[in-house]
Amino acid sequence: MDAELEQGEIEDKAIFAAALSAMRHTRLTMRVPRICRALRVSHPEIPKRKVFIAVALVTGLSQGHIRDLYYQERKKA
């Protein structure tokens, strides 16, 4: 019985870690357009492509994904 309870705890911790990771990733993708806009406002001389590269380096997301997230929000507006 102790082994089953311990295995359940291990599985629960793995599930909670995966759920937290997914939530953090979702929140990050929601913030990406704002991060891009903030960088463009503070450094208007930087081309958009370089903004996407910079945000990708900081967030760990791909440049293409950053670009898509940025333009996806603009299409909604």
PDB file of N, CA and C in Angstrom:
ATOM      1  N   MET A   1       0.823  -1.188   0.000  1.00  0.00           N
ATOM      2  CA  MET A   1       0.000   0.000   0.000  1.00  0.00           C
ATOM      3  C   MET A   1       0.877   1.266   0.000  1.00  0.00           C
ATOM      4  N   ASP A   2       1.947   1.247   0.767  1.00  0.00           N
ATOM      5  CA  ASP A   2       2.845   2.399   0.807  1.00  0.00           C
ATOM      6  C   ASP A   2       3.445   2.670  -0.571  1.00  0.00           C
ATOM      7  N   ALA A   3       3.785   1.611  -1.273  1.00  0.00           N
ATOM      8  CA  ALA A   3       4.367   1.769  -2.604  1.00  0.00           C
ATOM      9  C   ALA A   3       3.371   2.426  -3.556  1.00  0.00           C
ATOM     10  N   GLU A   4       2.109   2.034  -3.478  1.00  0.00           N
ATOM     11  CA  GLU A   4       1.079   2.635  -4.329  1.00  0.00           C
ATOM     12  C   GLU A   4       0.880   4.111  -4.004  1.00  0.00           C
ATOM     13  N   LEU A   5       0.857   4.437  -2.737  1.00  0.00           N
ATOM     14  CA  LEU A   5       0.694   5.835  -2.332  1.00  0.00           C
ATOM     15  C   LEU A   5       1.885   6.672  -2.805  1.00  0.00           C
ATOM     16  N   GLU A   6       3.068   6.111  -2.668  1.00  0.00           N
ATOM     17  CA  GLU A   6       4.268   6.815  -3.112  1.00  0.00           C
ATOM     18  C   GLU A   6       4.253   7.012  -4.627  1.00  0.00           C
ATOM     19  N   GLN A   7       3.855   5.978  -5.351  1.00  0.00           N
ATOM     20  CA  GLN A   7       3.764   6.092  -6.815  1.00  0.00           C
ATOM     21  C   GLN A   7       2.728   7.142  -7.202  1.00  0.00           C
ATOM     22  N   GLY A   8       1.623   7.188  -6.491  1.00  0.00           N
ATOM     23  CA  GLY A   8       0.597   8.197  -6.746  1.00  0.00           C
ATOM     24  C   GLY A   8       1.127   9.602  -6.524  1.00  0.00           C
ATOM     25  N   GLU A   9       1.915   9.792  -5.484  1.00  0.00           N
ATOM     26  CA  GLU A   9       2.523  11.098  -5.204  1.00  0.00           C
ATOM     27  C   GLU A   9       3.468  11.512  -6.327  1.00  0.00           C
ATOM     28  N   ILE A  10       4.251  10.572  -6.795  1.00  0.00           N
ATOM     29  CA  ILE A  10       5.190  10.848  -7.884  1.00  0.00           C
ATOM     30  C   ILE A  10       4.426  11.255  -9.142  1.00  0.00           C
ATOM     31  N   GLU A  11       3.376  10.512  -9.454  1.00  0.00           N
ATOM     32  CA  GLU A  11       2.566  10.823 -10.632  1.00  0.00           C
ATOM     33  C   GLU A  11       1.876  12.171 -10.490  1.00  0.00           C
ATOM     34  N   ASP A  12       1.355  12.461  -9.299  1.00  0.00           N
ATOM     35  CA  ASP A  12       0.705  13.754  -9.058  1.00  0.00           C
ATOM     36  C   ASP A  12       1.683  14.903  -9.266  1.00  0.00           C
ATOM     37  N   LYS A  13       2.891  14.767  -8.745  1.00  0.00           N
ATOM     38  CA  LYS A  13       3.887  15.821  -8.906  1.00  0.00           C
ATOM     39  C   LYS A  13       4.217  16.036 -10.382  1.00  0.00           C
ATOM     40  N   ALA A  14       4.305  14.960 -11.141  1.00  0.00           N
ATOM     41  CA  ALA A  14       4.590  15.077 -12.570  1.00  0.00           C
ATOM     42  C   ALA A  14       3.441  15.777 -13.297  1.00  0.00           C
ATOM     43  N   ILE A  15       2.225  15.441 -12.937  1.00  0.00           N
ATOM     44  CA  ILE A  15       1.051  16.074 -13.559  1.00  0.00           C
ATOM     45  C   ILE A  15       0.997  17.560 -13.223  1.00  0.00           C
ATOM     46  N   PHE A  16       1.233  17.902 -11.964  1.00  0.00           N
ATOM     47  CA  PHE A  16       1.215  19.301 -11.556  1.00  0.00           C
ATOM     48  C   PHE A  16       2.318  20.086 -12.252  1.00  0.00           C
ATOM     49  N   ALA A  17       3.496  19.497 -12.384  1.00  0.00           N
ATOM     50  CA  ALA A  17       4.609  20.168 -13.061  1.00  0.00           C
ATOM     51  C   ALA A  17       4.274  20.404 -14.533  1.00  0.00           C
ATOM     52  N   ALA A  18       3.677  19.424 -15.181  1.00  0.00           N
ATOM     53  CA  ALA A  18       3.308  19.564 -16.591  1.00  0.00           C
ATOM     54  C   ALA A  18       2.225  20.629 -16.763  1.00  0.00           C
ATOM     55  N   ALA A  19       1.257  20.645 -15.869  1.00  0.00           N
ATOM     56  CA  ALA A  19       0.186  21.634 -15.946  1.00  0.00           C
ATOM     57  C   ALA A  19       0.737  23.039 -15.727  1.00  0.00           C
ATOM     58  N   LEU A  20       1.615  23.199 -14.760  1.00  0.00           N
ATOM     59  CA  LEU A  20       2.212  24.501 -14.495  1.00  0.00           C
ATOM     60  C   LEU A  20       3.051  24.970 -15.678  1.00  0.00           C
ATOM     61  N   SER A  21       3.794  24.074 -16.273  1.00  0.00           N
ATOM     62  CA  SER A  21       4.597  24.411 -17.440  1.00  0.00           C
ATOM     63  C   SER A  21       3.710  24.868 -18.594  1.00  0.00           C
ATOM     64  N   ALA A  22       2.614  24.175 -18.809  1.00  0.00           N
ATOM     65  CA  ALA A  22       1.688  24.547 -19.883  1.00  0.00           C
ATOM     66  C   ALA A  22       1.066  25.918 -19.621  1.00  0.00           C
ATOM     67  N   MET A  23       0.713  26.188 -18.373  1.00  0.00           N
ATOM     68  CA  MET A  23       0.135  27.491 -18.035  1.00  0.00           C
ATOM     69  C   MET A  23       1.156  28.609 -18.230  1.00  0.00           C
ATOM     70  N   ARG A  24       2.391  28.375 -17.822  1.00  0.00           N
ATOM     71  CA  ARG A  24       3.429  29.391 -18.013  1.00  0.00           C
ATOM     72  C   ARG A  24       3.656  29.662 -19.497  1.00  0.00           C
ATOM     73  N   HIS A  25       3.678  28.622 -20.292  1.00  0.00           N
ATOM     74  CA  HIS A  25       3.876  28.783 -21.735  1.00  0.00           C
ATOM     75  C   HIS A  25       2.719  29.571 -22.350  1.00  0.00           C
ATOM     76  N   THR A  26       1.510  29.263 -21.940  1.00  0.00           N
ATOM     77  CA  THR A  26       0.336  29.976 -22.447  1.00  0.00           C
ATOM     78  C   THR A  26       0.391  31.442 -22.077  1.00  0.00           C
ATOM     79  N   ARG A  27       0.723  31.730 -20.837  1.00  0.00           N
ATOM     80  CA  ARG A  27       0.821  33.127 -20.397  1.00  0.00           C
ATOM     81  C   ARG A  27       1.923  33.858 -21.159  1.00  0.00           C
ATOM     82  N   LEU A  28       3.032  33.190 -21.389  1.00  0.00           N
ATOM     83  CA  LEU A  28       4.125  33.808 -22.133  1.00  0.00           C
ATOM     84  C   LEU A  28       3.681  34.145 -23.546  1.00  0.00           C
ATOM     85  N   THR A  29       3.002  33.230 -24.204  1.00  0.00           N
ATOM     86  CA  THR A  29       2.556  33.505 -25.576  1.00  0.00           C
ATOM     87  C   THR A  29       1.544  34.646 -25.611  1.00  0.00           C
ATOM     88  N   MET A  30       0.804  34.821 -24.530  1.00  0.00           N
ATOM     89  CA  MET A  30      -0.146  35.935 -24.465  1.00  0.00           C
ATOM     90  C   MET A  30       0.588  37.269 -24.295  1.00  0.00           C
ATOM     91  N   ARG A  31       1.748  37.249 -23.643  1.00  0.00           N
ATOM     92  CA  ARG A  31       2.502  38.475 -23.400  1.00  0.00           C
ATOM     93  C   ARG A  31       3.415  38.861 -24.559  1.00  0.00           C
ATOM     94  N   VAL A  32       3.715  37.950 -25.443  1.00  0.00           N
ATOM     95  CA  VAL A  32       4.669  38.208 -26.525  1.00  0.00           C
ATOM     96  C   VAL A  32       4.326  39.451 -27.336  1.00  0.00           C
ATOM     97  N   PRO A  33       3.107  39.650 -27.800  1.00  0.00           N
ATOM     98  CA  PRO A  33       2.825  40.868 -28.578  1.00  0.00           C
ATOM     99  C   PRO A  33       3.112  42.155 -27.795  1.00  0.00           C
ATOM    100  N   ARG A  34       2.799  42.157 -26.505  1.00  0.00           N
ATOM    101  CA  ARG A  34       3.074  43.340 -25.678  1.00  0.00           C
ATOM    102  C   ARG A  34       4.573  43.565 -25.540  1.00  0.00           C
ATOM    103  N   ILE A  35       5.324  42.488 -25.394  1.00  0.00           N
ATOM    104  CA  ILE A  35       6.775  42.600 -25.293  1.00  0.00           C
ATOM    105  C   ILE A  35       7.336  43.193 -26.581  1.00  0.00           C
ATOM    106  N   CYS A  36       6.848  42.705 -27.708  1.00  0.00           N
ATOM    107  CA  CYS A  36       7.301  43.224 -29.007  1.00  0.00           C
ATOM    108  C   CYS A  36       6.969  44.711 -29.141  1.00  0.00           C
ATOM    109  N   ARG A  37       5.754  45.075 -28.782  1.00  0.00           N
ATOM    110  CA  ARG A  37       5.352  46.486 -28.881  1.00  0.00           C
ATOM    111  C   ARG A  37       6.208  47.361 -27.975  1.00  0.00           C
ATOM    112  N   ALA A  38       6.461  46.895 -26.765  1.00  0.00           N
ATOM    113  CA  ALA A  38       7.273  47.667 -25.824  1.00  0.00           C
ATOM    114  C   ALA A  38       8.680  47.877 -26.370  1.00  0.00           C
ATOM    115  N   LEU A  39       9.246  46.861 -26.960  1.00  0.00           N
ATOM    116  CA  LEU A  39      10.579  46.973 -27.536  1.00  0.00           C
ATOM    117  C   LEU A  39      10.575  47.930 -28.732  1.00  0.00           C
ATOM    118  N   ARG A  40       9.531  47.862 -29.542  1.00  0.00           N
ATOM    119  CA  ARG A  40       9.435  48.764 -30.699  1.00  0.00           C
ATOM    120  C   ARG A  40       9.268  50.208 -30.260  1.00  0.00           C
ATOM    121  N   VAL A  41       8.517  50.438 -29.192  1.00  0.00           N
ATOM    122  CA  VAL A  41       8.324  51.807 -28.698  1.00  0.00           C
ATOM    123  C   VAL A  41       9.625  52.355 -28.118  1.00  0.00           C
ATOM    124  N   SER A  42      10.328  51.531 -27.366  1.00  0.00           N
ATOM    125  CA  SER A  42      11.556  52.009 -26.735  1.00  0.00           C
ATOM    126  C   SER A  42      12.728  52.103 -27.711  1.00  0.00           C
ATOM    127  N   HIS A  43      12.673  51.337 -28.803  1.00  0.00           N
ATOM    128  CA  HIS A  43      13.730  51.358 -29.817  1.00  0.00           C
ATOM    129  C   HIS A  43      13.106  51.331 -31.216  1.00  0.00           C
ATOM    130  N   PRO A  44      12.512  52.448 -31.637  1.00  0.00           N
ATOM    131  CA  PRO A  44      11.829  52.463 -32.942  1.00  0.00           C
ATOM    132  C   PRO A  44      12.767  52.256 -34.127  1.00  0.00           C
ATOM    133  N   GLU A  45      14.058  52.425 -33.909  1.00  0.00           N
ATOM    134  CA  GLU A  45      15.005  52.252 -35.008  1.00  0.00           C
ATOM    135  C   GLU A  45      15.263  50.786 -35.350  1.00  0.00           C
ATOM    136  N   ILE A  46      14.865  49.882 -34.471  1.00  0.00           N
ATOM    137  CA  ILE A  46      15.104  48.455 -34.692  1.00  0.00           C
ATOM    138  C   ILE A  46      14.027  47.895 -35.622  1.00  0.00           C
ATOM    139  N   PRO A  47      14.420  47.238 -36.702  1.00  0.00           N
ATOM    140  CA  PRO A  47      13.426  46.619 -37.599  1.00  0.00           C
ATOM    141  C   PRO A  47      12.646  45.511 -36.876  1.00  0.00           C
ATOM    142  N   LYS A  48      11.433  45.283 -37.334  1.00  0.00           N
ATOM    143  CA  LYS A  48      10.586  44.264 -36.709  1.00  0.00           C
ATOM    144  C   LYS A  48      11.278  42.910 -36.650  1.00  0.00           C
ATOM    145  N   ARG A  49      11.957  42.545 -37.704  1.00  0.00           N
ATOM    146  CA  ARG A  49      12.623  41.234 -37.732  1.00  0.00           C
ATOM    147  C   ARG A  49      13.594  41.092 -36.570  1.00  0.00           C
ATOM    148  N   LYS A  50      14.338  42.148 -36.284  1.00  0.00           N
ATOM    149  CA  LYS A  50      15.280  42.100 -35.161  1.00  0.00           C
ATOM    150  C   LYS A  50      14.557  42.119 -33.821  1.00  0.00           C
ATOM    151  N   VAL A  51      13.412  42.774 -33.772  1.00  0.00           N
ATOM    152  CA  VAL A  51      12.591  42.726 -32.557  1.00  0.00           C
ATOM    153  C   VAL A  51      12.167  41.287 -32.300  1.00  0.00           C
ATOM    154  N   PHE A  52      11.717  40.605 -33.333  1.00  0.00           N
ATOM    155  CA  PHE A  52      11.296  39.212 -33.181  1.00  0.00           C
ATOM    156  C   PHE A  52      12.460  38.332 -32.741  1.00  0.00           C
ATOM    157  N   ILE A  53      13.642  38.592 -33.287  1.00  0.00           N
ATOM    158  CA  ILE A  53      14.824  37.822 -32.891  1.00  0.00           C
ATOM    159  C   ILE A  53      15.143  38.062 -31.418  1.00  0.00           C
ATOM    160  N   ALA A  54      15.131  39.325 -31.007  1.00  0.00           N
ATOM    161  CA  ALA A  54      15.443  39.657 -29.609  1.00  0.00           C
ATOM    162  C   ALA A  54      14.450  39.005 -28.650  1.00  0.00           C
ATOM    163  N   VAL A  55      13.174  39.089 -28.968  1.00  0.00           N
ATOM    164  CA  VAL A  55      12.153  38.499 -28.105  1.00  0.00           C
ATOM    165  C   VAL A  55      12.293  36.977 -28.091  1.00  0.00           C
ATOM    166  N   ALA A  56      12.636  36.408 -29.221  1.00  0.00           N
ATOM    167  CA  ALA A  56      12.844  34.957 -29.277  1.00  0.00           C
ATOM    168  C   ALA A  56      14.006  34.537 -28.384  1.00  0.00           C
ATOM    169  N   LEU A  57      15.079  35.311 -28.411  1.00  0.00           N
ATOM    170  CA  LEU A  57      16.234  34.979 -27.571  1.00  0.00           C
ATOM    171  C   LEU A  57      15.900  35.044 -26.082  1.00  0.00           C
ATOM    172  N   VAL A  58      15.088  36.016 -25.702  1.00  0.00           N
ATOM    173  CA  VAL A  58      14.736  36.182 -24.289  1.00  0.00           C
ATOM    174  C   VAL A  58      13.727  35.134 -23.830  1.00  0.00           C
ATOM    175  N   THR A  59      12.764  34.819 -24.681  1.00  0.00           N
ATOM    176  CA  THR A  59      11.688  33.921 -24.272  1.00  0.00           C
ATOM    177  C   THR A  59      11.976  32.450 -24.517  1.00  0.00           C
ATOM    178  N   GLY A  60      12.851  32.169 -25.467  1.00  0.00           N
ATOM    179  CA  GLY A  60      13.110  30.779 -25.829  1.00  0.00           C
ATOM    180  C   GLY A  60      12.153  30.247 -26.887  1.00  0.00           C
ATOM    181  N   LEU A  61      11.233  31.084 -27.334  1.00  0.00           N
ATOM    182  CA  LEU A  61      10.325  30.697 -28.416  1.00  0.00           C
ATOM    183  C   LEU A  61      11.014  30.988 -29.748  1.00  0.00           C
ATOM    184  N   SER A  62      10.573  30.351 -30.806  1.00  0.00           N
ATOM    185  CA  SER A  62      11.203  30.571 -32.104  1.00  0.00           C
ATOM    186  C   SER A  62      10.815  31.939 -32.662  1.00  0.00           C
ATOM    187  N   GLN A  63      11.687  32.464 -33.503  1.00  0.00           N
ATOM    188  CA  GLN A  63      11.429  33.752 -34.129  1.00  0.00           C
ATOM    189  C   GLN A  63      10.130  33.720 -34.942  1.00  0.00           C
ATOM    190  N   GLY A  64       9.920  32.638 -35.666  1.00  0.00           N
ATOM    191  CA  GLY A  64       8.694  32.511 -36.457  1.00  0.00           C
ATOM    192  C   GLY A  64       7.451  32.496 -35.597  1.00  0.00           C
ATOM    193  N   HIS A  65       7.534  31.837 -34.467  1.00  0.00           N
ATOM    194  CA  HIS A  65       6.386  31.788 -33.552  1.00  0.00           C
ATOM    195  C   HIS A  65       6.120  33.169 -32.962  1.00  0.00           C
ATOM    196  N   ILE A  66       7.174  33.891 -32.616  1.00  0.00           N
ATOM    197  CA  ILE A  66       7.029  35.254 -32.104  1.00  0.00           C
ATOM    198  C   ILE A  66       6.345  36.117 -33.155  1.00  0.00           C
ATOM    199  N   ARG A  67       6.822  36.035 -34.385  1.00  0.00           N
ATOM    200  CA  ARG A  67       6.243  36.821 -35.485  1.00  0.00           C
ATOM    201  C   ARG A  67       4.759  36.487 -35.655  1.00  0.00           C
ATOM    202  N   ASP A  68       4.448  35.202 -35.657  1.00  0.00           N
ATOM    203  CA  ASP A  68       3.050  34.788 -35.833  1.00  0.00           C
ATOM    204  C   ASP A  68       2.169  35.296 -34.702  1.00  0.00           C
ATOM    205  N   LEU A  69       2.656  35.227 -33.475  1.00  0.00           N
ATOM    206  CA  LEU A  69       1.886  35.722 -32.330  1.00  0.00           C
ATOM    207  C   LEU A  69       1.668  37.229 -32.434  1.00  0.00           C
ATOM    208  N   TYR A  70       2.690  37.943 -32.860  1.00  0.00           N
ATOM    209  CA  TYR A  70       2.593  39.398 -33.008  1.00  0.00           C
ATOM    210  C   TYR A  70       1.527  39.768 -34.034  1.00  0.00           C
ATOM    211  N   TYR A  71       1.574  39.153 -35.198  1.00  0.00           N
ATOM    212  CA  TYR A  71       0.612  39.486 -36.244  1.00  0.00           C
ATOM    213  C   TYR A  71      -0.767  38.909 -35.981  1.00  0.00           C
ATOM    214  N   GLN A  72      -0.838  37.806 -35.263  1.00  0.00           N
ATOM    215  CA  GLN A  72      -2.130  37.231 -34.915  1.00  0.00           C
ATOM    216  C   GLN A  72      -2.936  38.195 -34.067  1.00  0.00           C
ATOM    217  N   GLU A  73      -2.301  38.844 -33.120  1.00  0.00           N
ATOM    218  CA  GLU A  73      -3.011  39.812 -32.281  1.00  0.00           C
ATOM    219  C   GLU A  73      -3.443  41.029 -33.092  1.00  0.00           C
ATOM    220  N   ARG A  74      -2.613  41.447 -34.008  1.00  0.00           N
ATOM    221  CA  ARG A  74      -2.954  42.608 -34.834  1.00  0.00           C
ATOM    222  C   ARG A  74      -4.152  42.308 -35.726  1.00  0.00           C
ATOM    223  N   LYS A  75      -4.306  41.082 -36.179  1.00  0.00           N
ATOM    224  CA  LYS A  75      -5.446  40.710 -37.016  1.00  0.00           C
ATOM    225  C   LYS A  75      -6.748  40.752 -36.225  1.00  0.00           C
ATOM    226  N   LYS A  76      -6.684  40.456 -34.931  1.00  0.00           N
ATOM    227  CA  LYS A  76      -7.878  40.464 -34.087  1.00  0.00           C
ATOM    228  C   LYS A  76      -8.404  41.866 -33.865  1.00  0.00           C
ATOM    229  N   ALA A  77      -7.506  42.827 -33.844  1.00  0.00           N
ATOM    230  CA  ALA A  77      -7.894  44.230 -33.533  1.00  0.00           C
ATOM    231  C   ALA A  77      -8.608  44.892 -34.679  1.00  0.00           C
TER     232      ALA A  77
END
